[in-house]
Amino acid sequence: MPINRKYPIEAVMETVRKLPLPRQKRVMFECVMIKRLTDSPEDAAILAELLRGMRVKVNLIPLNPAAEIPFDRTDHEVTLRFQEILVRNGTATFIRKNRGNDVSSACGQLKKKMLVGSAL
């Protein structure tokens, strides 16, 4: 991702490792599940390795598809396998419930429509 040029993932992870967390707190990471882009077992294994030994939790966020974006949502079964890999490696992992997708107002969809509409 382009943001990695400014904030390399290694530096981000090192900063998170140094955070002075209270006993019952964890750092939350979020991962958007994009079909054939961020959802492979290899992606899950890489993420599990990055998070190994850290007090974290991961939210897996199914992509909210929209006509204006060229990506698709990961199939639920694939997301479950991704979650299983993380959990097996000791990372608390949750799948975010999708809300608003049926009326194209889920996170990311409405803003994209507004931006596209304003450019006309």
PDB file of N, CA and C in Angstrom:
ATOM      1  N   MET A   1       0.835  -1.187   0.000  1.00  0.00           N
ATOM      2  CA  MET A   1       0.000   0.000   0.000  1.00  0.00           C
ATOM      3  C   MET A   1       0.880   1.251   0.000  1.00  0.00           C
ATOM      4  N   PRO A   2       0.429   2.306  -0.649  1.00  0.00           N
ATOM      5  CA  PRO A   2       1.234   3.536  -0.701  1.00  0.00           C
ATOM      6  C   PRO A   2       1.584   4.101   0.677  1.00  0.00           C
ATOM      7  N   ILE A   3       0.718   3.925   1.658  1.00  0.00           N
ATOM      8  CA  ILE A   3       0.998   4.458   3.000  1.00  0.00           C
ATOM      9  C   ILE A   3       2.254   3.838   3.590  1.00  0.00           C
ATOM     10  N   ASN A   4       2.628   2.635   3.097  1.00  0.00           N
ATOM     11  CA  ASN A   4       3.834   1.971   3.602  1.00  0.00           C
ATOM     12  C   ASN A   4       5.112   2.730   3.282  1.00  0.00           C
ATOM     13  N   ARG A   5       5.069   3.597   2.280  1.00  0.00           N
ATOM     14  CA  ARG A   5       6.262   4.406   1.993  1.00  0.00           C
ATOM     15  C   ARG A   5       6.519   5.393   3.128  1.00  0.00           C
ATOM     16  N   LYS A   6       5.446   5.933   3.676  1.00  0.00           N
ATOM     17  CA  LYS A   6       5.585   6.890   4.771  1.00  0.00           C
ATOM     18  C   LYS A   6       5.707   6.186   6.117  1.00  0.00           C
ATOM     19  N   TYR A   7       4.936   5.114   6.309  1.00  0.00           N
ATOM     20  CA  TYR A   7       4.928   4.368   7.567  1.00  0.00           C
ATOM     21  C   TYR A   7       5.149   2.886   7.267  1.00  0.00           C
ATOM     22  N   PRO A   8       6.393   2.443   7.157  1.00  0.00           N
ATOM     23  CA  PRO A   8       6.650   1.019   6.876  1.00  0.00           C
ATOM     24  C   PRO A   8       6.011   0.128   7.949  1.00  0.00           C
ATOM     25  N   ILE A   9       5.469  -0.991   7.526  1.00  0.00           N
ATOM     26  CA  ILE A   9       4.752  -1.876   8.444  1.00  0.00           C
ATOM     27  C   ILE A   9       5.637  -2.302   9.606  1.00  0.00           C
ATOM     28  N   GLU A  10       6.922  -2.500   9.364  1.00  0.00           N
ATOM     29  CA  GLU A  10       7.814  -2.910  10.447  1.00  0.00           C
ATOM     30  C   GLU A  10       7.870  -1.842  11.540  1.00  0.00           C
ATOM     31  N   ALA A  11       7.909  -0.574  11.135  1.00  0.00           N
ATOM     32  CA  ALA A  11       7.949   0.521  12.110  1.00  0.00           C
ATOM     33  C   ALA A  11       6.631   0.622  12.877  1.00  0.00           C
ATOM     34  N   VAL A  12       5.531   0.414  12.178  1.00  0.00           N
ATOM     35  CA  VAL A  12       4.217   0.448  12.834  1.00  0.00           C
ATOM     36  C   VAL A  12       4.122  -0.668  13.868  1.00  0.00           C
ATOM     37  N   MET A  13       4.542  -1.867  13.477  1.00  0.00           N
ATOM     38  CA  MET A  13       4.458  -3.002  14.388  1.00  0.00           C
ATOM     39  C   MET A  13       5.368  -2.809  15.598  1.00  0.00           C
ATOM     40  N   GLU A  14       6.540  -2.256  15.392  1.00  0.00           N
ATOM     41  CA  GLU A  14       7.451  -1.997  16.507  1.00  0.00           C
ATOM     42  C   GLU A  14       6.843  -0.988  17.475  1.00  0.00           C
ATOM     43  N   THR A  15       6.187   0.014  16.954  1.00  0.00           N
ATOM     44  CA  THR A  15       5.522   1.007  17.801  1.00  0.00           C
ATOM     45  C   THR A  15       4.410   0.358  18.614  1.00  0.00           C
ATOM     46  N   VAL A  16       3.627  -0.501  17.972  1.00  0.00           N
ATOM     47  CA  VAL A  16       2.533  -1.183  18.681  1.00  0.00           C
ATOM     48  C   VAL A  16       3.100  -2.085  19.779  1.00  0.00           C
ATOM     49  N   ARG A  17       4.182  -2.781  19.493  1.00  0.00           N
ATOM     50  CA  ARG A  17       4.806  -3.656  20.509  1.00  0.00           C
ATOM     51  C   ARG A  17       5.242  -2.880  21.752  1.00  0.00           C
ATOM     52  N   LYS A  18       5.603  -1.629  21.572  1.00  0.00           N
ATOM     53  CA  LYS A  18       6.099  -0.814  22.686  1.00  0.00           C
ATOM     54  C   LYS A  18       4.988  -0.100  23.467  1.00  0.00           C
ATOM     55  N   LEU A  19       3.753  -0.207  22.998  1.00  0.00           N
ATOM     56  CA  LEU A  19       2.660   0.489  23.699  1.00  0.00           C
ATOM     57  C   LEU A  19       2.494  -0.046  25.117  1.00  0.00           C
ATOM     58  N   PRO A  20       2.381   0.833  26.103  1.00  0.00           N
ATOM     59  CA  PRO A  20       2.157   0.391  27.491  1.00  0.00           C
ATOM     60  C   PRO A  20       0.662   0.133  27.723  1.00  0.00           C
ATOM     61  N   LEU A  21       0.224  -1.085  27.431  1.00  0.00           N
ATOM     62  CA  LEU A  21      -1.199  -1.411  27.535  1.00  0.00           C
ATOM     63  C   LEU A  21      -1.588  -1.832  28.943  1.00  0.00           C
ATOM     64  N   PRO A  22      -2.752  -1.351  29.420  1.00  0.00           N
ATOM     65  CA  PRO A  22      -3.275  -1.884  30.686  1.00  0.00           C
ATOM     66  C   PRO A  22      -3.521  -3.394  30.539  1.00  0.00           C
ATOM     67  N   ARG A  23      -3.587  -4.095  31.649  1.00  0.00           N
ATOM     68  CA  ARG A  23      -3.684  -5.574  31.639  1.00  0.00           C
ATOM     69  C   ARG A  23      -4.763  -6.139  30.735  1.00  0.00           C
ATOM     70  N   GLN A  24      -5.949  -5.590  30.775  1.00  0.00           N
ATOM     71  CA  GLN A  24      -7.070  -6.171  30.040  1.00  0.00           C
ATOM     72  C   GLN A  24      -7.280  -5.557  28.656  1.00  0.00           C
ATOM     73  N   LYS A  25      -6.379  -4.738  28.202  1.00  0.00           N
ATOM     74  CA  LYS A  25      -6.554  -4.050  26.919  1.00  0.00           C
ATOM     75  C   LYS A  25      -5.750  -4.715  25.810  1.00  0.00           C
ATOM     76  N   ARG A  26      -6.259  -4.565  24.590  1.00  0.00           N
ATOM     77  CA  ARG A  26      -5.582  -5.075  23.401  1.00  0.00           C
ATOM     78  C   ARG A  26      -5.615  -3.994  22.330  1.00  0.00           C
ATOM     79  N   VAL A  27      -4.688  -4.047  21.423  1.00  0.00           N
ATOM     80  CA  VAL A  27      -4.701  -3.173  20.256  1.00  0.00           C
ATOM     81  C   VAL A  27      -5.575  -3.841  19.204  1.00  0.00           C
ATOM     82  N   MET A  28      -6.445  -3.048  18.566  1.00  0.00           N
ATOM     83  CA  MET A  28      -7.323  -3.607  17.542  1.00  0.00           C
ATOM     84  C   MET A  28      -6.772  -3.307  16.147  1.00  0.00           C
ATOM     85  N   PHE A  29      -6.694  -4.356  15.355  1.00  0.00           N
ATOM     86  CA  PHE A  29      -6.348  -4.240  13.947  1.00  0.00           C
ATOM     87  C   PHE A  29      -7.597  -4.567  13.146  1.00  0.00           C
ATOM     88  N   GLU A  30      -7.743  -3.927  11.988  1.00  0.00           N
ATOM     89  CA  GLU A  30      -8.872  -4.218  11.116  1.00  0.00           C
ATOM     90  C   GLU A  30      -8.347  -4.595   9.743  1.00  0.00           C
ATOM     91  N   CYS A  31      -8.961  -5.600   9.177  1.00  0.00           N
ATOM     92  CA  CYS A  31      -8.537  -6.110   7.876  1.00  0.00           C
ATOM     93  C   CYS A  31      -9.769  -6.224   6.988  1.00  0.00           C
ATOM     94  N   VAL A  32      -9.787  -5.473   5.890  1.00  0.00           N
ATOM     95  CA  VAL A  32     -10.899  -5.546   4.941  1.00  0.00           C
ATOM     96  C   VAL A  32     -10.701  -6.777   4.074  1.00  0.00           C
ATOM     97  N   MET A  33     -11.727  -7.590   4.014  1.00  0.00           N
ATOM     98  CA  MET A  33     -11.658  -8.837   3.260  1.00  0.00           C
ATOM     99  C   MET A  33     -12.104  -8.586   1.816  1.00  0.00           C
ATOM    100  N   ILE A  34     -11.098  -8.539   0.925  1.00  0.00           N
ATOM    101  CA  ILE A  34     -11.337  -8.273  -0.492  1.00  0.00           C
ATOM    102  C   ILE A  34     -11.001  -9.548  -1.268  1.00  0.00           C
ATOM    103  N   LYS A  35     -11.972 -10.020  -2.027  1.00  0.00           N
ATOM    104  CA  LYS A  35     -11.828 -11.281  -2.757  1.00  0.00           C
ATOM    105  C   LYS A  35     -10.569 -11.289  -3.618  1.00  0.00           C
ATOM    106  N   ARG A  36      -9.757 -12.330  -3.428  1.00  0.00           N
ATOM    107  CA  ARG A  36      -8.517 -12.582  -4.177  1.00  0.00           C
ATOM    108  C   ARG A  36      -7.486 -11.454  -4.057  1.00  0.00           C
ATOM    109  N   LEU A  37      -7.612 -10.611  -3.046  1.00  0.00           N
ATOM    110  CA  LEU A  37      -6.625  -9.557  -2.849  1.00  0.00           C
ATOM    111  C   LEU A  37      -6.052  -9.581  -1.436  1.00  0.00           C
ATOM    112  N   THR A  38      -6.923  -9.793  -0.434  1.00  0.00           N
ATOM    113  CA  THR A  38      -6.458  -9.794   0.963  1.00  0.00           C
ATOM    114  C   THR A  38      -6.968 -11.000   1.742  1.00  0.00           C
ATOM    115  N   ASP A  39      -7.394 -12.049   1.071  1.00  0.00           N
ATOM    116  CA  ASP A  39      -8.112 -13.113   1.774  1.00  0.00           C
ATOM    117  C   ASP A  39      -7.511 -14.508   1.665  1.00  0.00           C
ATOM    118  N   SER A  40      -6.297 -14.624   1.191  1.00  0.00           N
ATOM    119  CA  SER A  40      -5.723 -15.962   1.006  1.00  0.00           C
ATOM    120  C   SER A  40      -5.217 -16.531   2.333  1.00  0.00           C
ATOM    121  N   PRO A  41      -5.073 -17.851   2.402  1.00  0.00           N
ATOM    122  CA  PRO A  41      -4.457 -18.451   3.587  1.00  0.00           C
ATOM    123  C   PRO A  41      -3.049 -17.900   3.833  1.00  0.00           C
ATOM    124  N   GLU A  42      -2.337 -17.581   2.760  1.00  0.00           N
ATOM    125  CA  GLU A  42      -0.994 -17.000   2.904  1.00  0.00           C
ATOM    126  C   GLU A  42      -1.078 -15.623   3.563  1.00  0.00           C
ATOM    127  N   ASP A  43      -2.090 -14.829   3.173  1.00  0.00           N
ATOM    128  CA  ASP A  43      -2.286 -13.518   3.798  1.00  0.00           C
ATOM    129  C   ASP A  43      -2.556 -13.682   5.289  1.00  0.00           C
ATOM    130  N   ALA A  44      -3.376 -14.661   5.638  1.00  0.00           N
ATOM    131  CA  ALA A  44      -3.688 -14.912   7.050  1.00  0.00           C
ATOM    132  C   ALA A  44      -2.435 -15.329   7.812  1.00  0.00           C
ATOM    133  N   ALA A  45      -1.614 -16.169   7.202  1.00  0.00           N
ATOM    134  CA  ALA A  45      -0.386 -16.621   7.862  1.00  0.00           C
ATOM    135  C   ALA A  45       0.588 -15.464   8.064  1.00  0.00           C
ATOM    136  N   ILE A  46       0.702 -14.584   7.082  1.00  0.00           N
ATOM    137  CA  ILE A  46       1.578 -13.412   7.208  1.00  0.00           C
ATOM    138  C   ILE A  46       1.081 -12.508   8.330  1.00  0.00           C
ATOM    139  N   LEU A  47      -0.238 -12.276   8.372  1.00  0.00           N
ATOM    140  CA  LEU A  47      -0.802 -11.438   9.431  1.00  0.00           C
ATOM    141  C   LEU A  47      -0.588 -12.085  10.797  1.00  0.00           C
ATOM    142  N   ALA A  48      -0.808 -13.388  10.884  1.00  0.00           N
ATOM    143  CA  ALA A  48      -0.597 -14.095  12.152  1.00  0.00           C
ATOM    144  C   ALA A  48       0.846 -13.942  12.626  1.00  0.00           C
ATOM    145  N   GLU A  49       1.785 -14.028  11.705  1.00  0.00           N
ATOM    146  CA  GLU A  49       3.198 -13.885  12.064  1.00  0.00           C
ATOM    147  C   GLU A  49       3.510 -12.457  12.510  1.00  0.00           C
ATOM    148  N   LEU A  50       2.950 -11.468  11.829  1.00  0.00           N
ATOM    149  CA  LEU A  50       3.156 -10.074  12.235  1.00  0.00           C
ATOM    150  C   LEU A  50       2.653  -9.810  13.651  1.00  0.00           C
ATOM    151  N   LEU A  51       1.562 -10.483  14.020  1.00  0.00           N
ATOM    152  CA  LEU A  51       0.910 -10.232  15.306  1.00  0.00           C
ATOM    153  C   LEU A  51       1.359 -11.175  16.411  1.00  0.00           C
ATOM    154  N   ARG A  52       2.205 -12.148  16.087  1.00  0.00           N
ATOM    155  CA  ARG A  52       2.631 -13.162  17.058  1.00  0.00           C
ATOM    156  C   ARG A  52       3.193 -12.520  18.334  1.00  0.00           C
ATOM    157  N   GLY A  53       2.647 -12.971  19.472  1.00  0.00           N
ATOM    158  CA  GLY A  53       3.131 -12.515  20.767  1.00  0.00           C
ATOM    159  C   GLY A  53       2.598 -11.161  21.213  1.00  0.00           C
ATOM    160  N   MET A  54       1.728 -10.558  20.422  1.00  0.00           N
ATOM    161  CA  MET A  54       1.204  -9.242  20.774  1.00  0.00           C
ATOM    162  C   MET A  54      -0.205  -9.370  21.357  1.00  0.00           C
ATOM    163  N   ARG A  55      -0.555  -8.451  22.242  1.00  0.00           N
ATOM    164  CA  ARG A  55      -1.922  -8.423  22.794  1.00  0.00           C
ATOM    165  C   ARG A  55      -2.788  -7.614  21.853  1.00  0.00           C
ATOM    166  N   VAL A  56      -3.401  -8.335  20.906  1.00  0.00           N
ATOM    167  CA  VAL A  56      -4.195  -7.688  19.864  1.00  0.00           C
ATOM    168  C   VAL A  56      -5.499  -8.441  19.654  1.00  0.00           C
ATOM    169  N   LYS A  57      -6.397  -7.775  18.961  1.00  0.00           N
ATOM    170  CA  LYS A  57      -7.566  -8.450  18.417  1.00  0.00           C
ATOM    171  C   LYS A  57      -7.723  -7.943  16.996  1.00  0.00           C
ATOM    172  N   VAL A  58      -8.305  -8.761  16.142  1.00  0.00           N
ATOM    173  CA  VAL A  58      -8.452  -8.429  14.731  1.00  0.00           C
ATOM    174  C   VAL A  58      -9.924  -8.470  14.362  1.00  0.00           C
ATOM    175  N   ASN A  59     -10.375  -7.416  13.715  1.00  0.00           N
ATOM    176  CA  ASN A  59     -11.708  -7.388  13.119  1.00  0.00           C
ATOM    177  C   ASN A  59     -11.551  -7.641  11.633  1.00  0.00           C
ATOM    178  N   LEU A  60     -12.190  -8.677  11.147  1.00  0.00           N
ATOM    179  CA  LEU A  60     -12.224  -8.938   9.714  1.00  0.00           C
ATOM    180  C   LEU A  60     -13.486  -8.264   9.179  1.00  0.00           C
ATOM    181  N   ILE A  61     -13.310  -7.364   8.222  1.00  0.00           N
ATOM    182  CA  ILE A  61     -14.421  -6.558   7.722  1.00  0.00           C
ATOM    183  C   ILE A  61     -14.729  -6.964   6.290  1.00  0.00           C
ATOM    184  N   PRO A  62     -15.890  -7.595   6.071  1.00  0.00           N
ATOM    185  CA  PRO A  62     -16.262  -7.922   4.696  1.00  0.00           C
ATOM    186  C   PRO A  62     -16.401  -6.629   3.881  1.00  0.00           C
ATOM    187  N   LEU A  63     -15.795  -6.613   2.703  1.00  0.00           N
ATOM    188  CA  LEU A  63     -15.888  -5.451   1.825  1.00  0.00           C
ATOM    189  C   LEU A  63     -17.344  -5.157   1.507  1.00  0.00           C
ATOM    190  N   ASN A  64     -17.701  -3.889   1.520  1.00  0.00           N
ATOM    191  CA  ASN A  64     -19.032  -3.473   1.082  1.00  0.00           C
ATOM    192  C   ASN A  64     -18.935  -3.145  -0.402  1.00  0.00           C
ATOM    193  N   PRO A  65     -19.367  -4.084  -1.254  1.00  0.00           N
ATOM    194  CA  PRO A  65     -19.202  -3.875  -2.690  1.00  0.00           C
ATOM    195  C   PRO A  65     -20.091  -2.739  -3.188  1.00  0.00           C
ATOM    196  N   ALA A  66     -19.656  -2.092  -4.243  1.00  0.00           N
ATOM    197  CA  ALA A  66     -20.434  -1.025  -4.874  1.00  0.00           C
ATOM    198  C   ALA A  66     -20.069  -1.017  -6.353  1.00  0.00           C
ATOM    199  N   ALA A  67     -20.987  -0.578  -7.157  1.00  0.00           N
ATOM    200  CA  ALA A  67     -20.761  -0.550  -8.604  1.00  0.00           C
ATOM    201  C   ALA A  67     -19.548   0.301  -8.965  1.00  0.00           C
ATOM    202  N   GLU A  68     -19.244   1.289  -8.137  1.00  0.00           N
ATOM    203  CA  GLU A  68     -18.167   2.227  -8.442  1.00  0.00           C
ATOM    204  C   GLU A  68     -16.771   1.705  -8.115  1.00  0.00           C
ATOM    205  N   ILE A  69     -16.672   0.549  -7.460  1.00  0.00           N
ATOM    206  CA  ILE A  69     -15.353   0.012  -7.119  1.00  0.00           C
ATOM    207  C   ILE A  69     -15.155  -1.346  -7.784  1.00  0.00           C
ATOM    208  N   PRO A  70     -13.922  -1.641  -8.205  1.00  0.00           N
ATOM    209  CA  PRO A  70     -13.676  -2.861  -8.977  1.00  0.00           C
ATOM    210  C   PRO A  70     -13.344  -4.096  -8.130  1.00  0.00           C
ATOM    211  N   PHE A  71     -13.834  -4.145  -6.896  1.00  0.00           N
ATOM    212  CA  PHE A  71     -13.496  -5.254  -6.012  1.00  0.00           C
ATOM    213  C   PHE A  71     -14.757  -5.963  -5.547  1.00  0.00           C
ATOM    214  N   ASP A  72     -14.587  -7.216  -5.129  1.00  0.00           N
ATOM    215  CA  ASP A  72     -15.693  -8.020  -4.619  1.00  0.00           C
ATOM    216  C   ASP A  72     -15.426  -8.438  -3.190  1.00  0.00           C
ATOM    217  N   ARG A  73     -16.496  -8.759  -2.494  1.00  0.00           N
ATOM    218  CA  ARG A  73     -16.413  -9.246  -1.126  1.00  0.00           C
ATOM    219  C   ARG A  73     -15.931 -10.690  -1.116  1.00  0.00           C
ATOM    220  N   THR A  74     -15.119 -11.005  -0.140  1.00  0.00           N
ATOM    221  CA  THR A  74     -14.668 -12.377   0.080  1.00  0.00           C
ATOM    222  C   THR A  74     -15.858 -13.245   0.474  1.00  0.00           C
ATOM    223  N   ASP A  75     -15.900 -14.462  -0.045  1.00  0.00           N
ATOM    224  CA  ASP A  75     -16.957 -15.398   0.348  1.00  0.00           C
ATOM    225  C   ASP A  75     -16.852 -15.677   1.846  1.00  0.00           C
ATOM    226  N   HIS A  76     -18.002 -15.880   2.482  1.00  0.00           N
ATOM    227  CA  HIS A  76     -18.032 -16.063   3.935  1.00  0.00           C
ATOM    228  C   HIS A  76     -17.177 -17.253   4.376  1.00  0.00           C
ATOM    229  N   GLU A  77     -17.209 -18.340   3.606  1.00  0.00           N
ATOM    230  CA  GLU A  77     -16.429 -19.528   3.962  1.00  0.00           C
ATOM    231  C   GLU A  77     -14.928 -19.222   3.946  1.00  0.00           C
ATOM    232  N   VAL A  78     -14.499 -18.393   3.009  1.00  0.00           N
ATOM    233  CA  VAL A  78     -13.086 -18.011   2.924  1.00  0.00           C
ATOM    234  C   VAL A  78     -12.711 -17.144   4.124  1.00  0.00           C
ATOM    235  N   THR A  79     -13.622 -16.241   4.509  1.00  0.00           N
ATOM    236  CA  THR A  79     -13.387 -15.406   5.689  1.00  0.00           C
ATOM    237  C   THR A  79     -13.287 -16.270   6.938  1.00  0.00           C
ATOM    238  N   LEU A  80     -14.126 -17.291   7.047  1.00  0.00           N
ATOM    239  CA  LEU A  80     -14.064 -18.196   8.201  1.00  0.00           C
ATOM    240  C   LEU A  80     -12.733 -18.935   8.259  1.00  0.00           C
ATOM    241  N   ARG A  81     -12.210 -19.366   7.115  1.00  0.00           N
ATOM    242  CA  ARG A  81     -10.897 -20.034   7.085  1.00  0.00           C
ATOM    243  C   ARG A  81      -9.788 -19.061   7.478  1.00  0.00           C
ATOM    244  N   PHE A  82      -9.880 -17.820   7.014  1.00  0.00           N
ATOM    245  CA  PHE A  82      -8.907 -16.789   7.377  1.00  0.00           C
ATOM    246  C   PHE A  82      -8.925 -16.593   8.891  1.00  0.00           C
ATOM    247  N   GLN A  83     -10.125 -16.489   9.457  1.00  0.00           N
ATOM    248  CA  GLN A  83     -10.284 -16.333  10.914  1.00  0.00           C
ATOM    249  C   GLN A  83      -9.688 -17.528  11.645  1.00  0.00           C
ATOM    250  N   GLU A  84      -9.942 -18.711  11.153  1.00  0.00           N
ATOM    251  CA  GLU A  84      -9.446 -19.933  11.793  1.00  0.00           C
ATOM    252  C   GLU A  84      -7.916 -19.932  11.873  1.00  0.00           C
ATOM    253  N   ILE A  85      -7.257 -19.492  10.820  1.00  0.00           N
ATOM    254  CA  ILE A  85      -5.793 -19.443  10.821  1.00  0.00           C
ATOM    255  C   ILE A  85      -5.297 -18.494  11.899  1.00  0.00           C
ATOM    256  N   LEU A  86      -5.921 -17.319  11.999  1.00  0.00           N
ATOM    257  CA  LEU A  86      -5.506 -16.354  13.018  1.00  0.00           C
ATOM    258  C   LEU A  86      -5.760 -16.891  14.423  1.00  0.00           C
ATOM    259  N   VAL A  87      -6.930 -17.458  14.650  1.00  0.00           N
ATOM    260  CA  VAL A  87      -7.271 -17.983  15.976  1.00  0.00           C
ATOM    261  C   VAL A  87      -6.330 -19.121  16.346  1.00  0.00           C
ATOM    262  N   ARG A  88      -6.046 -20.007  15.399  1.00  0.00           N
ATOM    263  CA  ARG A  88      -5.123 -21.114  15.652  1.00  0.00           C
ATOM    264  C   ARG A  88      -3.742 -20.611  16.058  1.00  0.00           C
ATOM    265  N   ASN A  89      -3.393 -19.424  15.619  1.00  0.00           N
ATOM    266  CA  ASN A  89      -2.105 -18.830  15.960  1.00  0.00           C
ATOM    267  C   ASN A  89      -2.181 -17.914  17.171  1.00  0.00           C
ATOM    268  N   GLY A  90      -3.291 -17.964  17.894  1.00  0.00           N
ATOM    269  CA  GLY A  90      -3.394 -17.238  19.152  1.00  0.00           C
ATOM    270  C   GLY A  90      -3.915 -15.813  19.071  1.00  0.00           C
ATOM    271  N   THR A  91      -4.499 -15.420  17.953  1.00  0.00           N
ATOM    272  CA  THR A  91      -5.004 -14.058  17.793  1.00  0.00           C
ATOM    273  C   THR A  91      -6.523 -14.042  17.891  1.00  0.00           C
ATOM    274  N   ALA A  92      -7.048 -13.277  18.850  1.00  0.00           N
ATOM    275  CA  ALA A  92      -8.499 -13.104  18.966  1.00  0.00           C
ATOM    276  C   ALA A  92      -8.976 -12.422  17.684  1.00  0.00           C
ATOM    277  N   THR A  93      -9.932 -13.049  17.007  1.00  0.00           N
ATOM    278  CA  THR A  93     -10.361 -12.545  15.695  1.00  0.00           C
ATOM    279  C   THR A  93     -11.878 -12.616  15.589  1.00  0.00           C
ATOM    280  N   PHE A  94     -12.451 -11.520  15.094  1.00  0.00           N
ATOM    281  CA  PHE A  94     -13.899 -11.395  14.974  1.00  0.00           C
ATOM    282  C   PHE A  94     -14.250 -10.974  13.556  1.00  0.00           C
ATOM    283  N   ILE A  95     -15.423 -11.383  13.101  1.00  0.00           N
ATOM    284  CA  ILE A  95     -15.908 -10.983  11.784  1.00  0.00           C
ATOM    285  C   ILE A  95     -16.995  -9.938  12.003  1.00  0.00           C
ATOM    286  N   ARG A  96     -16.770  -8.762  11.449  1.00  0.00           N
ATOM    287  CA  ARG A  96     -17.741  -7.678  11.626  1.00  0.00           C
ATOM    288  C   ARG A  96     -19.008  -7.981  10.853  1.00  0.00           C
ATOM    289  N   LYS A  97     -20.139  -7.719  11.510  1.00  0.00           N
ATOM    290  CA  LYS A  97     -21.434  -7.874  10.858  1.00  0.00           C
ATOM    291  C   LYS A  97     -21.637  -6.754   9.856  1.00  0.00           C
ATOM    292  N   ASN A  98     -22.206  -7.103   8.735  1.00  0.00           N
ATOM    293  CA  ASN A  98     -22.442  -6.120   7.685  1.00  0.00           C
ATOM    294  C   ASN A  98     -23.804  -5.464   7.892  1.00  0.00           C
ATOM    295  N   ARG A  99     -23.813  -4.154   7.871  1.00  0.00           N
ATOM    296  CA  ARG A  99     -25.078  -3.423   8.016  1.00  0.00           C
ATOM    297  C   ARG A  99     -25.149  -2.340   6.953  1.00  0.00           C
ATOM    298  N   GLY A 100     -26.314  -2.176   6.354  1.00  0.00           N
ATOM    299  CA  GLY A 100     -26.534  -1.100   5.408  1.00  0.00           C
ATOM    300  C   GLY A 100     -26.212  -1.443   3.972  1.00  0.00           C
ATOM    301  N   ASN A 101     -25.620  -2.612   3.740  1.00  0.00           N
ATOM    302  CA  ASN A 101     -25.227  -2.975   2.391  1.00  0.00           C
ATOM    303  C   ASN A 101     -26.432  -3.123   1.463  1.00  0.00           C
ATOM    304  N   ASP A 102     -27.548  -3.574   2.008  1.00  0.00           N
ATOM    305  CA  ASP A 102     -28.737  -3.815   1.180  1.00  0.00           C
ATOM    306  C   ASP A 102     -29.308  -2.541   0.573  1.00  0.00           C
ATOM    307  N   VAL A 103     -28.983  -1.386   1.128  1.00  0.00           N
ATOM    308  CA  VAL A 103     -29.472  -0.111   0.599  1.00  0.00           C
ATOM    309  C   VAL A 103     -28.307   0.788   0.171  1.00  0.00           C
ATOM    310  N   SER A 104     -27.149   0.173  -0.102  1.00  0.00           N
ATOM    311  CA  SER A 104     -25.950   0.889  -0.546  1.00  0.00           C
ATOM    312  C   SER A 104     -25.540   2.030   0.378  1.00  0.00           C
ATOM    313  N   SER A 105     -25.705   1.819   1.676  1.00  0.00           N
ATOM    314  CA  SER A 105     -25.290   2.860   2.624  1.00  0.00           C
ATOM    315  C   SER A 105     -24.317   2.318   3.661  1.00  0.00           C
ATOM    316  N   ALA A 106     -23.703   1.186   3.356  1.00  0.00           N
ATOM    317  CA  ALA A 106     -22.707   0.624   4.266  1.00  0.00           C
ATOM    318  C   ALA A 106     -21.430   1.458   4.179  1.00  0.00           C
ATOM    319  N   CYS A 107     -20.559   1.253   5.137  1.00  0.00           N
ATOM    320  CA  CYS A 107     -19.317   2.015   5.221  1.00  0.00           C
ATOM    321  C   CYS A 107     -18.587   2.028   3.881  1.00  0.00           C
ATOM    322  N   GLY A 108     -18.283   3.207   3.388  1.00  0.00           N
ATOM    323  CA  GLY A 108     -17.556   3.359   2.134  1.00  0.00           C
ATOM    324  C   GLY A 108     -18.432   3.518   0.919  1.00  0.00           C
ATOM    325  N   GLN A 109     -19.623   2.940   0.917  1.00  0.00           N
ATOM    326  CA  GLN A 109     -20.479   2.988  -0.258  1.00  0.00           C
ATOM    327  C   GLN A 109     -21.089   4.371  -0.471  1.00  0.00           C
ATOM    328  N   LEU A 110     -21.648   4.951   0.562  1.00  0.00           N
ATOM    329  CA  LEU A 110     -22.342   6.219   0.430  1.00  0.00           C
ATOM    330  C   LEU A 110     -21.371   7.330   0.043  1.00  0.00           C
ATOM    331  N   LYS A 111     -20.221   7.375   0.675  1.00  0.00           N
ATOM    332  CA  LYS A 111     -19.235   8.401   0.345  1.00  0.00           C
ATOM    333  C   LYS A 111     -18.811   8.282  -1.114  1.00  0.00           C
ATOM    334  N   LYS A 112     -18.581   7.080  -1.574  1.00  0.00           N
ATOM    335  CA  LYS A 112     -18.156   6.885  -2.955  1.00  0.00           C
ATOM    336  C   LYS A 112     -19.222   7.395  -3.906  1.00  0.00           C
ATOM    337  N   LYS A 113     -20.495   7.111  -3.638  1.00  0.00           N
ATOM    338  CA  LYS A 113     -21.580   7.585  -4.495  1.00  0.00           C
ATOM    339  C   LYS A 113     -21.628   9.098  -4.513  1.00  0.00           C
ATOM    340  N   MET A 114     -21.431   9.709  -3.348  1.00  0.00           N
ATOM    341  CA  MET A 114     -21.471  11.157  -3.266  1.00  0.00           C
ATOM    342  C   MET A 114     -20.314  11.767  -4.048  1.00  0.00           C
ATOM    343  N   LEU A 115     -19.119  11.193  -3.933  1.00  0.00           N
ATOM    344  CA  LEU A 115     -17.962  11.712  -4.651  1.00  0.00           C
ATOM    345  C   LEU A 115     -18.152  11.574  -6.153  1.00  0.00           C
ATOM    346  N   VAL A 116     -18.656  10.415  -6.586  1.00  0.00           N
ATOM    347  CA  VAL A 116     -18.877  10.196  -8.002  1.00  0.00           C
ATOM    348  C   VAL A 116     -19.960  11.148  -8.504  1.00  0.00           C
ATOM    349  N   GLY A 117     -21.029  11.302  -7.732  1.00  0.00           N
ATOM    350  CA  GLY A 117     -22.130  12.196  -8.120  1.00  0.00           C
ATOM    351  C   GLY A 117     -21.706  13.640  -8.186  1.00  0.00           C
ATOM    352  N   SER A 118     -20.823  14.077  -7.305  1.00  0.00           N
ATOM    353  CA  SER A 118     -20.411  15.477  -7.278  1.00  0.00           C
ATOM    354  C   SER A 118     -19.473  15.821  -8.439  1.00  0.00           C
ATOM    355  N   ALA A 119     -18.861  14.825  -9.048  1.00  0.00           N
ATOM    356  CA  ALA A 119     -17.934  15.079 -10.121  1.00  0.00           C
ATOM    357  C   ALA A 119     -18.651  15.298 -11.452  1.00  0.00           C
ATOM    358  N   LEU A 120     -19.938  15.021 -11.489  1.00  0.00           N
ATOM    359  CA  LEU A 120     -20.673  15.160 -12.757  1.00  0.00           C
ATOM    360  C   LEU A 120     -20.990  16.588 -13.078  1.00  0.00           C
TER     361      LEU A 120
END
